[in-house]
Protein backbone atom coordinates (compact mmCIF):
# COMPACT_ATOMS: atom_id res chain seq x y z
CA MET A 1 80.30 44.90 84.61
CA ARG A 2 82.10 44.62 81.30
CA ARG A 3 79.92 47.39 79.89
CA TRP A 4 81.02 49.86 82.53
CA ASP A 5 84.35 50.75 80.77
CA GLY A 6 82.52 51.40 77.45
CA LEU A 7 79.98 53.57 79.14
CA VAL A 8 82.72 55.50 80.93
CA ASP A 9 84.38 56.12 77.50
CA GLY A 10 81.10 57.51 76.16
CA TYR A 11 80.64 59.81 79.15
CA VAL A 12 84.21 61.06 78.94
CA ARG A 13 83.77 61.88 75.26
CA GLU A 14 80.65 63.89 76.20
CA CYS A 15 82.72 65.76 78.84
CA GLU A 16 85.29 66.59 76.19
CA THR A 17 82.56 67.80 73.88
CA ARG A 18 81.27 70.11 76.62
CA GLY A 19 84.63 71.77 76.72
CA LEU A 20 85.95 70.52 80.11
CA SER A 21 89.70 70.97 80.55
CA PRO A 22 91.94 67.94 79.94
CA SER A 23 92.85 67.79 83.65
CA MET A 24 89.16 67.67 84.61
CA VAL A 25 88.46 65.00 81.96
CA TYR A 26 91.35 62.95 83.34
CA SER A 27 90.03 63.40 86.91
CA VAL A 28 86.54 62.23 85.87
CA ARG A 29 87.86 59.17 84.08
CA TRP A 30 90.04 58.31 87.01
CA GLU A 31 87.22 58.50 89.51
CA LEU A 32 84.80 56.49 87.36
CA THR A 33 87.48 53.84 86.64
CA ARG A 34 88.15 53.50 90.35
CA CYS A 35 84.41 53.11 91.03
CA GLY A 36 84.14 50.55 88.28
CA ASN A 37 86.99 48.48 89.72
CA TRP A 38 85.26 48.53 93.12
CA LEU A 39 81.94 47.43 91.55
CA LYS A 40 83.70 44.60 89.65
CA GLY A 41 85.05 43.28 92.91
CA ARG A 42 81.58 42.87 94.44
CA ARG A 43 80.37 39.25 95.10
CA PRO A 44 78.07 38.07 93.82
CA LYS A 45 78.74 39.97 90.55
CA VAL A 46 76.36 42.65 89.47
CA ASN A 47 75.33 44.13 86.15
CA VAL A 48 75.40 47.83 85.48
CA GLU A 49 71.64 47.89 85.48
CA GLU A 50 71.64 46.35 89.05
CA VAL A 51 73.80 49.11 90.62
CA ASP A 52 71.68 50.97 93.13
CA GLY A 53 71.99 53.77 95.70
CA PRO A 54 73.15 51.68 98.67
CA MET A 55 75.88 50.11 96.60
CA LEU A 56 77.20 53.51 95.44
CA VAL A 57 77.00 54.81 98.98
CA GLY A 58 79.15 51.88 100.00
CA TYR A 59 81.68 52.82 97.42
CA LEU A 60 81.63 56.45 98.51
CA ARG A 61 82.08 55.39 102.16
CA THR A 62 85.30 53.50 101.36
CA ARG A 63 86.49 56.06 98.79
CA THR A 64 86.23 59.14 100.95
CA ALA A 65 87.11 57.81 104.41
CA PHE A 66 89.51 60.15 106.15
CA HIS A 67 89.38 62.62 103.24
CA SER A 68 88.46 66.29 103.16
CA ARG A 69 85.01 67.64 102.41
CA SER A 70 86.20 68.82 98.98
CA THR A 71 87.26 65.30 98.04
CA VAL A 72 83.88 63.88 99.11
CA TYR A 73 82.03 66.54 97.20
CA ALA A 74 84.08 66.03 94.05
CA SER A 75 83.55 62.25 94.08
CA VAL A 76 79.78 62.55 94.58
CA SER A 77 79.57 65.21 91.79
CA LYS A 78 81.43 63.07 89.24
CA LEU A 79 79.40 59.99 90.02
CA ARG A 80 76.17 61.98 89.82
CA GLY A 81 77.12 63.19 86.39
CA MET A 82 77.84 59.64 85.25
CA GLY A 83 74.43 58.61 86.66
CA GLU A 84 72.66 61.23 84.58
CA TYR A 85 74.48 60.01 81.51
CA LEU A 86 73.35 56.40 82.19
CA VAL A 87 69.74 57.61 82.50
CA ARG A 88 70.01 59.34 79.14
CA GLN A 89 71.43 56.14 77.60
CA GLY A 90 68.53 54.14 79.00
CA VAL A 91 70.78 52.00 81.22
CA TRP A 92 69.23 53.20 84.47
CA MET A 93 65.58 54.18 84.93
CA LYS A 94 66.59 56.87 87.47
CA ASN A 95 69.84 58.17 88.92
CA PRO A 96 70.19 57.03 92.50
CA LEU A 97 72.78 59.74 93.20
CA ARG A 98 70.40 62.54 92.14
CA TRP A 99 69.19 62.89 95.73
CA ILE A 100 72.47 62.20 97.45
CA ARG A 101 74.09 65.43 98.41
CA GLY A 102 77.73 65.81 99.32
CA PRO A 103 78.92 67.95 102.25
CA ARG A 104 77.90 71.60 101.95
CA MET A 105 80.78 73.55 100.50
CA ASP A 106 80.83 77.22 101.50
CA PRO A 107 83.44 79.20 99.49
CA ARG A 108 84.07 81.29 102.55
CA MET A 109 84.81 78.23 104.70
CA ARG A 110 88.52 78.29 104.07
CA LEU A 111 90.61 81.49 103.79
CA PRO A 112 92.53 81.87 100.51
CA ARG A 113 96.25 81.46 100.69
CA ARG A 114 98.03 84.54 99.54
CA ILE A 115 101.70 85.17 98.97
CA GLY A 116 103.12 87.73 101.35
CA ARG A 117 104.73 90.96 100.11
CA GLU A 118 108.24 89.83 101.19
CA ASP A 119 107.87 86.43 99.58
CA MET A 120 106.55 88.01 96.41
CA LYS A 121 109.59 90.36 96.29
CA ARG A 122 111.96 87.40 96.69
CA LEU A 123 110.06 85.56 93.99
CA TRP A 124 110.56 88.43 91.54
CA GLU A 125 114.17 88.67 92.41
CA GLN A 126 114.69 84.99 91.80
CA ALA A 127 112.83 85.13 88.50
CA ALA A 128 115.16 87.89 87.28
CA LYS A 129 118.14 85.63 88.10
CA ARG A 130 116.93 82.75 85.94
CA PRO A 131 119.16 81.64 83.03
CA LYS A 132 118.63 83.51 79.74
CA THR A 133 116.87 80.46 78.31
CA GLN A 134 114.19 80.69 81.05
CA GLN A 135 114.16 84.26 82.38
CA PRO A 136 111.81 85.92 79.80
CA ILE A 137 109.06 83.33 80.04
CA THR A 138 109.36 83.04 83.88
CA LEU A 139 109.03 86.84 84.26
CA CYS A 140 106.11 86.92 81.77
CA VAL A 141 104.27 84.04 83.57
CA LEU A 142 104.89 85.72 87.01
CA ALA A 143 103.72 89.08 85.78
CA VAL A 144 100.51 87.80 84.12
CA LEU A 145 99.53 85.52 87.03
CA TYR A 146 100.01 88.19 89.71
CA GLY A 147 99.12 91.17 87.62
CA THR A 148 95.88 89.81 86.20
CA GLY A 149 94.85 86.99 88.55
CA LEU A 150 94.28 84.56 85.71
CA ARG A 151 93.38 80.97 86.50
CA ARG A 152 95.88 78.32 85.40
CA GLY A 153 93.64 77.04 82.64
CA GLU A 154 92.98 80.59 81.34
CA LEU A 155 96.71 81.25 81.06
CA GLU A 156 97.34 77.82 79.44
CA ARG A 157 94.62 78.54 76.78
CA LEU A 158 95.72 82.05 75.88
CA ASN A 159 96.62 82.53 72.24
CA ILE A 160 98.96 85.13 70.88
CA HIS A 161 96.08 87.03 69.16
CA ASP A 162 94.47 87.48 72.62
CA TRP A 163 97.15 89.99 73.45
CA SER A 164 96.62 93.58 72.24
CA ARG A 165 99.83 95.68 72.36
CA GLU A 166 98.05 98.86 71.46
CA THR A 167 95.38 98.72 74.19
CA GLY A 168 97.42 96.68 76.71
CA THR A 169 94.67 94.16 77.23
CA LEU A 170 94.24 90.37 77.38
CA LYS A 171 91.15 88.61 76.06
CA ILE A 172 90.17 85.75 78.38
CA ASP A 173 88.03 82.93 77.12
CA GLY A 174 84.73 82.08 78.86
CA ARG A 175 85.21 78.31 79.29
CA LYS A 176 85.19 78.60 83.08
CA THR A 177 82.53 81.35 83.48
CA GLY A 178 80.62 81.10 80.26
CA GLN A 179 81.50 84.72 79.35
CA GLU A 180 84.55 86.19 77.69
CA ARG A 181 86.22 89.25 79.22
CA GLN A 182 88.97 91.65 78.37
CA ILE A 183 91.20 92.83 81.21
CA PRO A 184 93.82 95.61 81.12
CA VAL A 185 97.37 95.13 82.32
CA GLY A 186 99.63 97.64 84.10
CA PRO A 187 102.79 99.09 82.54
CA GLY A 188 105.01 96.55 84.39
CA VAL A 189 103.05 93.60 83.03
CA TRP A 190 103.02 95.17 79.55
CA ARG A 191 106.83 95.39 79.58
CA CYS A 192 107.25 91.77 80.72
CA VAL A 193 104.93 90.55 77.99
CA GLU A 194 106.60 92.56 75.28
CA ALA A 195 110.04 91.38 76.40
CA TYR A 196 108.83 87.75 76.17
CA LEU A 197 107.43 88.00 72.64
CA PRO A 198 110.85 88.11 70.79
CA PHE A 199 111.91 85.13 73.00
CA ARG A 200 108.72 83.28 71.89
CA GLN A 201 109.42 84.11 68.27
CA ASN A 202 112.98 82.70 68.44
CA ARG A 203 111.69 79.48 70.02
CA LEU A 204 109.17 78.94 67.26
CA GLU A 205 111.66 79.74 64.47
CA ALA A 206 114.14 77.29 65.95
CA ARG A 207 111.51 74.53 65.83
CA GLY A 208 109.90 75.57 62.52
CA ARG A 209 106.56 76.09 64.17
CA LEU A 210 105.70 79.71 63.39
CA GLU A 211 102.05 78.79 62.92
CA GLU A 212 101.70 77.87 66.60
CA PRO A 213 98.97 80.12 68.05
CA ALA A 214 99.71 79.56 71.76
CA PHE A 215 100.81 82.56 73.84
CA LEU A 216 103.10 80.50 76.06
CA VAL A 217 105.22 77.96 74.16
CA SER A 218 107.55 75.30 75.49
CA ARG A 219 111.19 74.82 74.30
CA PHE A 220 109.81 72.34 71.73
CA GLY A 221 107.55 74.94 70.14
CA HIS A 222 104.27 73.52 71.48
CA ARG A 223 101.67 75.04 73.77
CA MET A 224 102.97 75.12 77.30
CA SER A 225 100.81 72.85 79.53
CA GLY A 226 99.35 73.93 82.85
CA ASP A 227 101.64 71.38 84.61
CA ALA A 228 104.70 72.90 82.93
CA ILE A 229 103.62 76.41 84.05
CA SER A 230 103.22 75.08 87.56
CA ARG A 231 106.65 73.46 87.56
CA THR A 232 108.20 76.71 86.35
CA MET A 233 106.76 78.66 89.24
CA LYS A 234 107.44 75.89 91.84
CA THR A 235 111.08 75.70 90.81
CA CYS A 236 111.38 79.52 91.03
CA ALA A 237 109.72 79.50 94.49
CA ARG A 238 111.97 76.65 95.70
CA ASP A 239 115.07 78.47 94.59
CA ALA A 240 113.80 81.60 96.32
CA GLY A 241 113.27 79.62 99.51
CA ILE A 242 109.62 80.50 99.94
CA PRO A 243 106.59 78.22 100.54
CA PHE A 244 104.45 77.68 97.55
CA VAL A 245 101.26 75.64 97.11
CA SER A 246 99.71 76.31 93.71
CA LEU A 247 99.37 78.85 90.91
CA HIS A 248 96.03 79.81 92.35
CA GLN A 249 97.88 81.60 95.17
CA PHE A 250 98.76 84.35 92.64
CA ARG A 251 95.04 84.85 91.99
CA HIS A 252 94.39 85.07 95.72
CA SER A 253 97.22 87.51 96.14
CA CYS A 254 96.04 89.64 93.19
CA ALA A 255 92.49 89.90 94.58
CA SER A 256 93.59 90.61 98.14
CA ASP A 257 96.14 93.18 97.21
CA LEU A 258 93.63 94.92 94.93
CA LEU A 259 91.10 95.17 97.70
CA GLU A 260 93.74 96.30 100.16
CA GLY A 261 94.76 98.98 97.70
CA GLY A 262 91.30 100.48 97.71
CA VAL A 263 89.80 98.87 94.54
CA THR A 264 86.07 98.34 95.02
CA MET A 265 84.65 94.82 95.33
CA PRO A 266 82.49 94.99 92.11
CA GLU A 267 85.57 96.07 90.19
CA VAL A 268 87.65 93.16 91.59
CA LYS A 269 84.70 90.83 90.74
CA SER A 270 84.68 91.98 87.16
CA PHE A 271 88.46 91.93 86.87
CA LEU A 272 88.74 88.28 88.13
CA GLY A 273 85.66 87.03 86.27
CA HIS A 274 83.77 85.85 89.32
CA ALA A 275 80.21 84.73 88.59
CA ALA A 276 78.95 85.95 92.00
CA ILE A 277 80.20 88.68 94.31
CA VAL A 278 80.05 86.24 97.26
CA THR A 279 83.17 84.63 95.84
CA THR A 280 85.00 88.01 95.82
CA MET A 281 83.93 88.57 99.46
CA ARG A 282 86.27 85.77 100.55
CA TYR A 283 89.19 88.08 100.01
CA VAL A 284 87.96 90.67 102.46
CA GLU A 285 88.99 88.21 105.18
CA VAL A 286 92.66 88.39 104.22
CA THR A 287 93.01 92.16 103.59
CA HIS A 288 94.47 92.89 106.98
CA GLY A 289 95.87 96.36 106.23
CA ALA A 290 92.59 98.29 106.10
CA ARG A 291 91.11 96.45 109.02
CA SER A 292 94.20 97.09 111.11
CA GLU A 293 93.96 100.83 110.47
CA ALA A 294 90.22 100.76 111.30
CA ILE A 295 90.75 98.95 114.64
CA LYS A 296 93.23 101.64 115.69
CA ARG A 297 90.31 104.09 115.82
CA HIS A 298 88.40 101.90 118.29
CA PRO A 299 87.43 103.83 121.47
CA ILE A 300 89.04 101.21 123.66
CA ASN A 301 92.51 102.52 122.66
CA GLN A 302 91.73 105.91 124.10
CA PHE A 303 90.18 104.35 127.21
CA LEU A 304 93.36 102.20 127.85
CA ALA A 305 95.55 105.21 127.16
CA ASP A 306 93.82 107.28 129.91
CA PRO A 307 96.22 107.87 132.87
CA ASP A 308 93.46 107.10 135.45
CA CYS A 309 92.75 103.82 133.69
CA GLN A 310 96.46 102.95 133.75
CA GLU A 311 96.66 103.66 137.51
CA ARG A 312 93.58 101.39 138.15
CA LYS A 313 95.12 98.68 136.05
CA VAL A 314 98.36 98.80 138.05
CA ALA A 315 96.42 98.72 141.29
CA ILE A 316 94.53 95.63 140.22
């Protein structure tokens, strides 16, 4: 199994060439390295060419025991991709994982976690209280995440030329969806972005990195990583005393609040960059306001409010 590590390196380079995010590339390498270590521990020892379906199923059984469906699906998907690479390299005649399917993942299976209105208000108040060395960028990140519903990777990859002050729009790359899009921002988001830009300029001047193209920059003058953006929001949420899971909650909150505010589903789909409207339909489940108003018009309310009905209910 000495060749496994070299083959993993080749597959990872292919993933990087395809434009996968650094976090995804790291996740692929970690999974394949873990699988390789498991295979190296088999007795008697096996060569890469001798690895078959039952052996990989044995690894998946130990790897995914007591884990969620999403973990199982991700492991199967990464190993299947590695199998296709080994076929292309002539190491395997066929990919034994091609016909192995992970658990069916329905995007509507789990409700999106949104941030409640009161929690969002406290988060904004806490962001406004941040020290002067952190307040502009914290408010900008919060405004862009909640105001536009960007994914973490999309925000991390934003460049300064993607922002148009005149039109108040952000150009989003198509790495995730395969199609670029331009989204407008509201007046509040526009003001937060414009207030952040002088702060960004001062950071870059202090580090002598005026050529840096990144929209969000760290205190060292480099592109702010996705992990650093997450830490910024988690710190703000912790200080505000509200529960916080991930940056994707802002995307969920943006979509749910737009639908609750009366924006049509196709418009929300286009705004968020969903490939299929079935993904947008998930957020209908968490827009309680409109449904609550609708249920108030149910005839059962009039029936139970009828005096005769109330008397019968008391008699029972």
